[in-house]
Amino acid sequence: MSNQSRIESLRRRHSSLDDKITDEVHRPLPDQRILMCLKLQKLRVKEEMDRLRTHA
């Protein structure tokens, strides 16, 4: 898989995580553990995208 296709895949994953975070936040009683996990995953995806862009 090329860097560009990997970055695009990560971009989609990042967007999906963002949607899940938004959904969780808008629940009547958001689960803070789930939010923390989703936000951590989103950060890791962003860091990997940044790393790939830097080395491309």
Protein backbone atom coordinates (compact mmCIF):
# COMPACT_ATOMS: atom_id res chain seq x y z
CA MET A 1 0.00 0.00 0.00
CA SER A 2 1.41 3.37 -0.97
CA ASN A 3 1.77 6.17 1.55
CA GLN A 4 -0.93 8.20 -0.17
CA SER A 5 -3.48 5.37 -0.07
CA ARG A 6 -2.56 4.67 3.57
CA ILE A 7 -3.06 8.35 4.43
CA GLU A 8 -6.44 8.30 2.70
CA SER A 9 -7.44 5.20 4.65
CA LEU A 10 -6.35 6.87 7.87
CA ARG A 11 -8.26 10.02 6.95
CA ARG A 12 -11.44 7.97 6.60
CA ARG A 13 -10.76 6.25 9.93
CA HIS A 14 -10.16 9.65 11.57
CA SER A 15 -13.47 10.92 10.23
CA SER A 16 -15.29 7.81 11.40
CA LEU A 17 -13.85 8.18 14.89
CA ASP A 18 -14.90 11.82 14.91
CA ASP A 19 -18.47 10.76 14.08
CA LYS A 20 -18.43 8.16 16.87
CA ILE A 21 -17.19 10.75 19.35
CA THR A 22 -19.95 13.14 18.33
CA ASP A 23 -22.56 10.39 18.69
CA GLU A 24 -21.30 9.46 22.14
CA VAL A 25 -21.17 13.07 23.34
CA HIS A 26 -24.80 13.59 22.33
CA ARG A 27 -26.10 10.57 24.20
CA PRO A 28 -28.10 11.31 27.36
CA LEU A 29 -25.32 9.87 29.55
CA PRO A 30 -22.06 9.73 27.59
CA ASP A 31 -19.63 7.08 28.73
CA GLN A 32 -16.39 8.87 29.57
CA ARG A 33 -14.31 5.71 29.17
CA ILE A 34 -15.60 5.21 25.63
CA LEU A 35 -14.95 8.86 24.82
CA MET A 36 -11.42 8.67 26.16
CA CYS A 37 -10.72 5.53 24.13
CA LEU A 38 -12.15 7.03 20.93
CA LYS A 39 -10.22 10.26 21.37
CA LEU A 40 -7.00 8.35 21.98
CA GLN A 41 -7.56 6.29 18.83
CA LYS A 42 -8.26 9.47 16.86
CA LEU A 43 -5.04 11.04 18.15
CA ARG A 44 -3.01 7.96 17.19
CA VAL A 45 -4.49 8.01 13.69
CA LYS A 46 -3.65 11.72 13.34
CA GLU A 47 -0.09 11.12 14.53
CA GLU A 48 0.36 8.33 12.00
CA MET A 49 -0.98 10.53 9.19
CA ASP A 50 1.45 13.28 10.21
CA ARG A 51 4.33 10.80 10.34
CA LEU A 52 3.51 9.48 6.87
CA ARG A 53 3.24 13.00 5.44
CA THR A 54 6.60 13.93 6.94
CA HIS A 55 8.33 10.88 5.47
CA ALA A 56 6.62 11.04 2.09
